């Protein structure tokens, strides 16, 4: 099955091989896939692939411009303590200020 298969393409498709992937889905999703497959005269596998392709394409479009990794995102946020220009690690603080805040909290809890 081509990797760019869409629901609209199921009417004029060519059959090809695929890999088995066991996935548990709710019964109502399986029933909906059965209905779509029957309406389009397609196999359930073809319907699932088409839906996944469309969902992946929509996700890729929605995520355009997002940083690729968490290090990039963390480096863009800075510690909330005035004058500190260290990258944010947790709860708005850099590593040093976060540990200091934890120690203060532990001391006051005793």
N, C-alpha and C. Protein backbone atom coordinates (compact mmCIF):
# COMPACT_ATOMS: atom_id res chain seq x y z
N UNK A 1 0.83 -1.17 0.00
CA UNK A 1 0.00 0.00 0.00
C UNK A 1 0.88 1.24 0.00
N UNK A 2 0.60 2.20 -0.82
CA UNK A 2 1.43 3.39 -0.86
C UNK A 2 1.35 4.16 0.45
N UNK A 3 2.45 4.78 0.81
CA UNK A 3 2.51 5.52 2.06
C UNK A 3 1.69 6.79 2.05
N UNK A 4 1.26 7.24 0.87
CA UNK A 4 0.49 8.48 0.80
C UNK A 4 -0.98 8.22 0.51
N UNK A 5 -1.47 7.03 0.81
CA UNK A 5 -2.86 6.66 0.57
C UNK A 5 -3.79 7.52 1.42
N UNK A 6 -4.83 8.07 0.81
CA UNK A 6 -5.84 8.87 1.49
C UNK A 6 -7.20 8.21 1.28
N UNK A 7 -8.17 8.59 2.08
CA UNK A 7 -9.51 8.02 1.96
C UNK A 7 -10.08 8.22 0.56
N UNK A 8 -9.87 9.40 -0.02
CA UNK A 8 -10.42 9.66 -1.36
C UNK A 8 -9.79 8.77 -2.42
N UNK A 9 -8.59 8.22 -2.14
CA UNK A 9 -7.89 7.37 -3.10
C UNK A 9 -8.35 5.92 -3.07
N UNK A 10 -9.16 5.55 -2.09
CA UNK A 10 -9.52 4.14 -1.94
C UNK A 10 -10.38 3.63 -3.10
N UNK A 11 -11.06 4.49 -3.78
CA UNK A 11 -11.89 4.07 -4.91
C UNK A 11 -11.02 3.62 -6.09
N UNK A 12 -9.87 4.24 -6.27
CA UNK A 12 -9.01 3.92 -7.43
C UNK A 12 -7.64 3.43 -6.98
N UNK A 13 -7.64 2.45 -6.13
CA UNK A 13 -6.40 1.99 -5.51
C UNK A 13 -5.84 0.75 -6.19
N UNK A 14 -4.56 0.53 -5.91
CA UNK A 14 -3.91 -0.72 -6.30
C UNK A 14 -3.58 -1.47 -5.02
N UNK A 15 -3.78 -2.75 -5.03
CA UNK A 15 -3.50 -3.56 -3.85
C UNK A 15 -2.00 -3.82 -3.76
N UNK A 16 -1.46 -3.81 -2.53
CA UNK A 16 -0.04 -4.11 -2.32
C UNK A 16 0.12 -4.76 -0.96
N UNK A 17 1.33 -5.17 -0.65
CA UNK A 17 1.56 -5.88 0.61
C UNK A 17 1.69 -4.91 1.78
N UNK A 18 1.55 -5.47 2.99
CA UNK A 18 1.67 -4.66 4.19
C UNK A 18 2.25 -5.52 5.32
N UNK A 19 2.55 -4.88 6.43
CA UNK A 19 3.05 -5.59 7.61
C UNK A 19 1.96 -5.70 8.66
N UNK A 20 2.02 -6.78 9.41
CA UNK A 20 1.05 -6.98 10.48
C UNK A 20 1.43 -6.15 11.69
N UNK A 21 0.47 -5.43 12.25
CA UNK A 21 0.70 -4.65 13.45
C UNK A 21 -0.52 -4.81 14.34
N UNK A 22 -0.37 -5.52 15.43
CA UNK A 22 -1.49 -5.72 16.34
C UNK A 22 -1.68 -4.50 17.21
N UNK A 23 -2.87 -3.95 17.18
CA UNK A 23 -3.20 -2.79 17.98
C UNK A 23 -4.58 -3.00 18.57
N UNK A 24 -4.71 -2.78 19.87
CA UNK A 24 -6.03 -2.88 20.49
C UNK A 24 -6.74 -1.55 20.33
N UNK A 25 -7.98 -1.62 19.86
CA UNK A 25 -8.79 -0.41 19.69
C UNK A 25 -10.16 -0.66 20.32
N UNK A 26 -10.84 0.40 20.72
CA UNK A 26 -12.18 0.22 21.27
C UNK A 26 -13.13 -0.36 20.23
N UNK A 27 -14.15 -1.05 20.68
CA UNK A 27 -15.11 -1.71 19.78
C UNK A 27 -15.80 -0.70 18.88
N UNK A 28 -16.13 0.49 19.39
CA UNK A 28 -16.83 1.47 18.56
C UNK A 28 -15.94 1.98 17.42
N UNK A 29 -14.63 2.03 17.63
CA UNK A 29 -13.71 2.44 16.56
C UNK A 29 -13.66 1.35 15.50
N UNK A 30 -13.61 0.11 15.93
CA UNK A 30 -13.60 -1.01 14.98
C UNK A 30 -14.88 -1.01 14.15
N UNK A 31 -16.01 -0.75 14.79
CA UNK A 31 -17.28 -0.71 14.07
C UNK A 31 -17.29 0.43 13.06
N UNK A 32 -16.75 1.58 13.43
CA UNK A 32 -16.70 2.72 12.51
C UNK A 32 -15.79 2.41 11.32
N UNK A 33 -14.66 1.76 11.58
CA UNK A 33 -13.75 1.37 10.49
C UNK A 33 -14.45 0.39 9.56
N UNK A 34 -15.20 -0.57 10.12
CA UNK A 34 -15.96 -1.53 9.31
C UNK A 34 -16.95 -0.80 8.40
N UNK A 35 -17.67 0.20 8.96
CA UNK A 35 -18.66 0.94 8.16
C UNK A 35 -17.99 1.69 7.00
N UNK A 36 -16.89 2.37 7.31
CA UNK A 36 -16.18 3.12 6.26
C UNK A 36 -15.66 2.17 5.20
N UNK A 37 -15.08 1.05 5.61
CA UNK A 37 -14.55 0.08 4.66
C UNK A 37 -15.67 -0.46 3.76
N UNK A 38 -16.81 -0.74 4.35
CA UNK A 38 -17.95 -1.26 3.57
C UNK A 38 -18.45 -0.18 2.60
N UNK A 39 -18.57 1.07 3.07
CA UNK A 39 -19.05 2.16 2.21
C UNK A 39 -18.12 2.43 1.05
N UNK A 40 -16.81 2.28 1.26
CA UNK A 40 -15.83 2.56 0.21
C UNK A 40 -15.40 1.33 -0.56
N UNK A 41 -15.98 0.18 -0.19
CA UNK A 41 -15.60 -1.09 -0.81
C UNK A 41 -14.08 -1.28 -0.72
N UNK A 42 -13.57 -1.10 0.49
CA UNK A 42 -12.13 -1.21 0.75
C UNK A 42 -11.91 -2.16 1.91
N UNK A 43 -10.67 -2.58 2.09
CA UNK A 43 -10.36 -3.42 3.25
C UNK A 43 -10.19 -2.52 4.47
N UNK A 44 -10.35 -3.12 5.64
CA UNK A 44 -10.15 -2.35 6.87
C UNK A 44 -8.72 -1.84 6.96
N UNK A 45 -7.77 -2.63 6.49
CA UNK A 45 -6.37 -2.22 6.50
C UNK A 45 -6.17 -0.95 5.69
N UNK A 46 -6.76 -0.90 4.51
CA UNK A 46 -6.65 0.28 3.66
C UNK A 46 -7.25 1.51 4.32
N UNK A 47 -8.39 1.32 4.97
CA UNK A 47 -9.03 2.44 5.66
C UNK A 47 -8.15 2.94 6.80
N UNK A 48 -7.60 2.03 7.59
CA UNK A 48 -6.75 2.43 8.70
C UNK A 48 -5.51 3.17 8.20
N UNK A 49 -4.88 2.67 7.15
CA UNK A 49 -3.69 3.33 6.59
C UNK A 49 -4.04 4.72 6.09
N UNK A 50 -5.16 4.84 5.38
CA UNK A 50 -5.57 6.15 4.87
C UNK A 50 -5.84 7.12 6.01
N UNK A 51 -6.53 6.67 7.05
CA UNK A 51 -6.80 7.53 8.21
C UNK A 51 -5.52 7.94 8.92
N UNK A 52 -4.61 6.98 9.08
CA UNK A 52 -3.33 7.31 9.71
C UNK A 52 -2.54 8.31 8.89
N UNK A 53 -2.49 8.11 7.57
CA UNK A 53 -1.77 9.04 6.71
C UNK A 53 -2.34 10.45 6.81
N UNK A 54 -3.67 10.56 6.79
CA UNK A 54 -4.29 11.88 6.89
C UNK A 54 -4.03 12.50 8.25
N UNK A 55 -4.09 11.69 9.30
CA UNK A 55 -3.81 12.21 10.64
C UNK A 55 -2.36 12.63 10.80
N UNK A 56 -1.44 11.85 10.25
CA UNK A 56 -0.02 12.21 10.32
C UNK A 56 0.26 13.49 9.55
N UNK A 57 -0.38 13.64 8.40
CA UNK A 57 -0.19 14.86 7.62
C UNK A 57 -0.73 16.07 8.37
N UNK A 58 -1.90 15.93 8.99
CA UNK A 58 -2.48 17.03 9.77
C UNK A 58 -1.59 17.37 10.96
N UNK A 59 -1.03 16.36 11.61
CA UNK A 59 -0.13 16.59 12.74
C UNK A 59 1.14 17.30 12.31
N UNK A 60 1.71 16.88 11.20
CA UNK A 60 2.93 17.52 10.69
C UNK A 60 2.67 18.99 10.38
N UNK A 61 1.51 19.28 9.81
CA UNK A 61 1.15 20.67 9.50
C UNK A 61 0.97 21.47 10.78
N UNK A 62 0.29 20.89 11.76
CA UNK A 62 0.04 21.60 13.02
C UNK A 62 1.32 21.84 13.81
N UNK A 63 2.29 20.96 13.67
CA UNK A 63 3.52 21.06 14.46
C UNK A 63 4.62 21.85 13.75
N UNK A 64 4.36 22.37 12.56
CA UNK A 64 5.37 23.16 11.85
C UNK A 64 5.79 24.34 12.71
N UNK A 65 7.09 24.54 12.82
CA UNK A 65 7.60 25.66 13.59
C UNK A 65 7.88 25.34 15.04
N UNK A 66 7.45 24.18 15.51
CA UNK A 66 7.73 23.79 16.88
C UNK A 66 9.18 23.38 16.98
N UNK A 67 9.84 23.64 18.12
CA UNK A 67 11.22 23.16 18.28
C UNK A 67 11.27 21.64 18.20
N UNK A 68 12.35 21.14 17.67
CA UNK A 68 12.46 19.70 17.44
C UNK A 68 12.70 18.90 18.72
N UNK A 69 13.34 19.50 19.72
CA UNK A 69 13.65 18.74 20.92
C UNK A 69 13.45 19.59 22.17
N UNK A 70 13.44 18.93 23.32
CA UNK A 70 13.19 19.62 24.58
C UNK A 70 14.34 20.52 24.99
N UNK A 71 15.57 20.19 24.61
CA UNK A 71 16.72 21.04 24.96
C UNK A 71 16.56 22.41 24.33
N UNK A 72 16.10 22.45 23.10
CA UNK A 72 15.89 23.73 22.42
C UNK A 72 14.83 24.53 23.15
N UNK A 73 13.72 23.88 23.53
CA UNK A 73 12.65 24.59 24.22
C UNK A 73 13.11 25.07 25.58
N UNK A 74 13.83 24.24 26.34
CA UNK A 74 14.29 24.62 27.67
C UNK A 74 15.27 25.79 27.60
N UNK A 75 16.09 25.82 26.58
CA UNK A 75 17.08 26.89 26.44
C UNK A 75 16.42 28.22 26.13
N UNK A 76 15.20 28.22 25.64
CA UNK A 76 14.52 29.46 25.31
C UNK A 76 13.83 30.07 26.52
N UNK A 77 13.73 29.35 27.63
CA UNK A 77 13.11 29.87 28.85
C UNK A 77 14.21 30.10 29.87
N UNK A 78 14.05 31.15 30.64
CA UNK A 78 15.09 31.53 31.60
C UNK A 78 14.56 31.47 33.02
N UNK A 79 15.46 31.37 33.96
CA UNK A 79 15.14 31.34 35.39
C UNK A 79 14.36 32.61 35.75
N UNK A 80 13.37 32.47 36.64
CA UNK A 80 12.52 33.60 37.02
C UNK A 80 13.17 34.51 38.06
N UNK A 81 14.29 34.11 38.65
CA UNK A 81 14.98 34.93 39.65
C UNK A 81 15.61 36.13 38.95
N UNK A 82 15.36 37.34 39.49
CA UNK A 82 15.88 38.57 38.87
C UNK A 82 17.39 38.49 38.73
N UNK A 83 17.88 38.83 37.55
CA UNK A 83 19.31 38.87 37.28
C UNK A 83 19.91 37.54 36.88
N UNK A 84 19.18 36.45 37.03
CA UNK A 84 19.70 35.13 36.65
C UNK A 84 19.39 34.88 35.18
N UNK A 85 20.40 34.55 34.41
CA UNK A 85 20.21 34.29 32.99
C UNK A 85 20.48 32.82 32.65
N UNK A 86 20.29 31.94 33.61
CA UNK A 86 20.47 30.51 33.37
C UNK A 86 19.19 29.92 32.79
N UNK A 87 19.32 28.86 32.00
CA UNK A 87 18.12 28.24 31.42
C UNK A 87 17.21 27.64 32.49
N UNK A 88 15.93 27.70 32.21
CA UNK A 88 14.89 27.13 33.07
C UNK A 88 15.06 25.61 33.14
N UNK A 89 14.91 25.04 34.34
CA UNK A 89 14.98 23.59 34.51
C UNK A 89 13.66 23.05 35.04
N UNK A 90 13.18 23.64 36.16
CA UNK A 90 11.94 23.16 36.77
C UNK A 90 11.27 24.28 37.54
N UNK A 91 9.94 24.32 37.46
CA UNK A 91 9.12 25.27 38.21
C UNK A 91 9.58 26.71 38.04
N UNK A 92 10.10 27.04 36.87
CA UNK A 92 10.51 28.40 36.58
C UNK A 92 11.93 28.74 37.01
N UNK A 93 12.62 27.83 37.69
CA UNK A 93 13.96 28.10 38.20
C UNK A 93 15.03 27.38 37.38
N UNK A 94 16.26 27.92 37.45
CA UNK A 94 17.42 27.18 36.93
C UNK A 94 17.74 26.09 37.94
N UNK A 95 18.70 25.26 37.65
CA UNK A 95 19.03 24.13 38.54
C UNK A 95 19.43 24.61 39.93
N UNK A 96 20.28 25.64 40.01
CA UNK A 96 20.76 26.11 41.31
C UNK A 96 19.63 26.71 42.14
N UNK A 97 18.80 27.57 41.53
CA UNK A 97 17.71 28.20 42.28
C UNK A 97 16.62 27.19 42.64
N UNK A 98 16.41 26.20 41.80
CA UNK A 98 15.43 25.17 42.12
C UNK A 98 15.87 24.38 43.36
N UNK A 99 17.14 24.00 43.40
CA UNK A 99 17.65 23.27 44.56
C UNK A 99 17.58 24.13 45.81
N UNK A 100 17.89 25.42 45.69
CA UNK A 100 17.81 26.33 46.85
C UNK A 100 16.37 26.42 47.34
N UNK A 101 15.42 26.53 46.45
CA UNK A 101 14.01 26.59 46.83
C UNK A 101 13.57 25.29 47.51
N UNK A 102 14.04 24.16 47.02
CA UNK A 102 13.73 22.87 47.65
C UNK A 102 14.28 22.80 49.06
N UNK A 103 15.53 23.24 49.24
CA UNK A 103 16.15 23.22 50.57
C UNK A 103 15.38 24.12 51.53
N UNK A 104 15.00 25.32 51.09
CA UNK A 104 14.21 26.22 51.95
C UNK A 104 12.91 25.57 52.36
N UNK A 105 12.24 24.94 51.43
CA UNK A 105 10.96 24.29 51.72
C UNK A 105 11.15 23.15 52.72
N UNK A 106 12.22 22.39 52.57
CA UNK A 106 12.49 21.29 53.50
C UNK A 106 12.78 21.83 54.90
N UNK A 107 13.55 22.92 54.98
CA UNK A 107 13.88 23.50 56.29
C UNK A 107 12.64 24.04 56.99
N UNK A 108 11.75 24.68 56.28
CA UNK A 108 10.54 25.25 56.90
C UNK A 108 9.54 24.16 57.26
N UNK A 109 9.63 23.00 56.61
CA UNK A 109 8.69 21.90 56.90
C UNK A 109 9.05 21.17 58.17
N UNK A 110 10.26 21.33 58.65
CA UNK A 110 10.68 20.58 59.86
C UNK A 110 10.17 21.17 61.12
